[in-house]
């Protein structure tokens, strides 16, 4: 279940950065596993 949460966070983070047309998704994608705990 934690893996699913982390993958969802990764997807949402990438979408948010793309929609904002600003920033880089590296940090939220890289730290998604930590945030899922």
N, C-alpha and C. Protein backbone atom coordinates (compact mmCIF):
# COMPACT_ATOMS: atom_id res chain seq x y z
N UNK A 1 0.82 -1.19 0.00
CA UNK A 1 0.00 0.00 0.00
C UNK A 1 0.87 1.27 0.00
N UNK A 2 1.96 1.27 0.74
CA UNK A 2 2.83 2.45 0.77
C UNK A 2 3.41 2.74 -0.61
N UNK A 3 3.69 1.69 -1.36
CA UNK A 3 4.23 1.86 -2.71
C UNK A 3 3.21 2.55 -3.61
N UNK A 4 1.94 2.18 -3.46
CA UNK A 4 0.88 2.82 -4.24
C UNK A 4 0.75 4.30 -3.88
N UNK A 5 0.84 4.60 -2.60
CA UNK A 5 0.77 6.00 -2.15
C UNK A 5 1.93 6.79 -2.74
N UNK A 6 3.14 6.24 -2.67
CA UNK A 6 4.32 6.92 -3.20
C UNK A 6 4.18 7.14 -4.71
N UNK A 7 3.69 6.15 -5.42
CA UNK A 7 3.52 6.29 -6.86
C UNK A 7 2.48 7.36 -7.20
N UNK A 8 1.43 7.44 -6.40
CA UNK A 8 0.41 8.47 -6.61
C UNK A 8 0.99 9.85 -6.38
N UNK A 9 1.78 9.99 -5.32
CA UNK A 9 2.44 11.28 -5.04
C UNK A 9 3.36 11.66 -6.19
N UNK A 10 4.08 10.71 -6.73
CA UNK A 10 4.97 10.99 -7.86
C UNK A 10 4.18 11.51 -9.06
N UNK A 11 3.10 10.83 -9.38
CA UNK A 11 2.29 11.24 -10.52
C UNK A 11 1.68 12.62 -10.33
N UNK A 12 1.12 12.86 -9.15
CA UNK A 12 0.52 14.16 -8.88
C UNK A 12 1.56 15.27 -8.88
N UNK A 13 2.73 14.99 -8.34
CA UNK A 13 3.80 16.00 -8.31
C UNK A 13 4.22 16.39 -9.71
N UNK A 14 4.40 15.40 -10.57
CA UNK A 14 4.79 15.69 -11.95
C UNK A 14 3.71 16.50 -12.65
N UNK A 15 2.45 16.14 -12.44
CA UNK A 15 1.34 16.87 -13.06
C UNK A 15 1.27 18.31 -12.57
N UNK A 16 1.46 18.51 -11.28
CA UNK A 16 1.38 19.86 -10.71
C UNK A 16 2.49 20.75 -11.26
N UNK A 17 3.71 20.23 -11.31
CA UNK A 17 4.83 21.02 -11.83
C UNK A 17 4.60 21.34 -13.30
N UNK A 18 4.11 20.37 -14.06
CA UNK A 18 3.85 20.60 -15.48
C UNK A 18 2.74 21.64 -15.68
N UNK A 19 1.68 21.54 -14.90
CA UNK A 19 0.56 22.49 -15.03
C UNK A 19 0.99 23.90 -14.64
N UNK A 20 1.84 24.01 -13.61
CA UNK A 20 2.32 25.33 -13.18
C UNK A 20 3.30 25.92 -14.18
N UNK A 21 3.84 25.05 -15.04
CA UNK A 21 4.82 25.48 -16.05
C UNK A 21 6.02 26.15 -15.39
N UNK A 22 6.37 25.65 -14.21
CA UNK A 22 7.48 26.21 -13.45
C UNK A 22 8.00 25.17 -12.48
N UNK A 23 9.29 25.18 -12.24
CA UNK A 23 9.87 24.28 -11.25
C UNK A 23 10.37 22.98 -11.85
N UNK A 24 10.80 22.10 -10.97
CA UNK A 24 11.36 20.81 -11.35
C UNK A 24 10.80 19.74 -10.42
N UNK A 25 10.30 18.63 -10.96
CA UNK A 25 9.66 17.61 -10.12
C UNK A 25 10.62 16.68 -9.40
N UNK A 26 11.92 16.91 -9.50
CA UNK A 26 12.90 15.98 -8.94
C UNK A 26 12.77 15.73 -7.46
N UNK A 27 12.60 16.77 -6.68
CA UNK A 27 12.52 16.62 -5.22
C UNK A 27 11.28 15.83 -4.79
N UNK A 28 10.07 16.20 -5.21
CA UNK A 28 8.91 15.42 -4.76
C UNK A 28 8.91 13.99 -5.29
N UNK A 29 9.41 13.79 -6.50
CA UNK A 29 9.47 12.43 -7.04
C UNK A 29 10.49 11.61 -6.25
N UNK A 30 11.63 12.21 -5.95
CA UNK A 30 12.67 11.50 -5.22
C UNK A 30 12.32 11.21 -3.77
N UNK A 31 11.52 12.06 -3.17
CA UNK A 31 11.18 11.92 -1.75
C UNK A 31 9.80 11.32 -1.52
N UNK A 32 9.16 10.83 -2.54
CA UNK A 32 7.80 10.29 -2.40
C UNK A 32 7.75 9.12 -1.43
N UNK A 33 8.78 8.28 -1.44
CA UNK A 33 8.80 7.13 -0.51
C UNK A 33 8.88 7.60 0.94
N UNK A 34 9.64 8.64 1.19
CA UNK A 34 9.75 9.18 2.55
C UNK A 34 8.42 9.77 2.99
N UNK A 35 7.77 10.50 2.10
CA UNK A 35 6.49 11.12 2.42
C UNK A 35 5.37 10.12 2.64
N UNK A 36 5.49 8.95 2.05
CA UNK A 36 4.45 7.93 2.18
C UNK A 36 4.48 7.25 3.55
N UNK A 37 5.58 7.41 4.26
CA UNK A 37 5.66 6.78 5.58
C UNK A 37 4.82 7.55 6.54
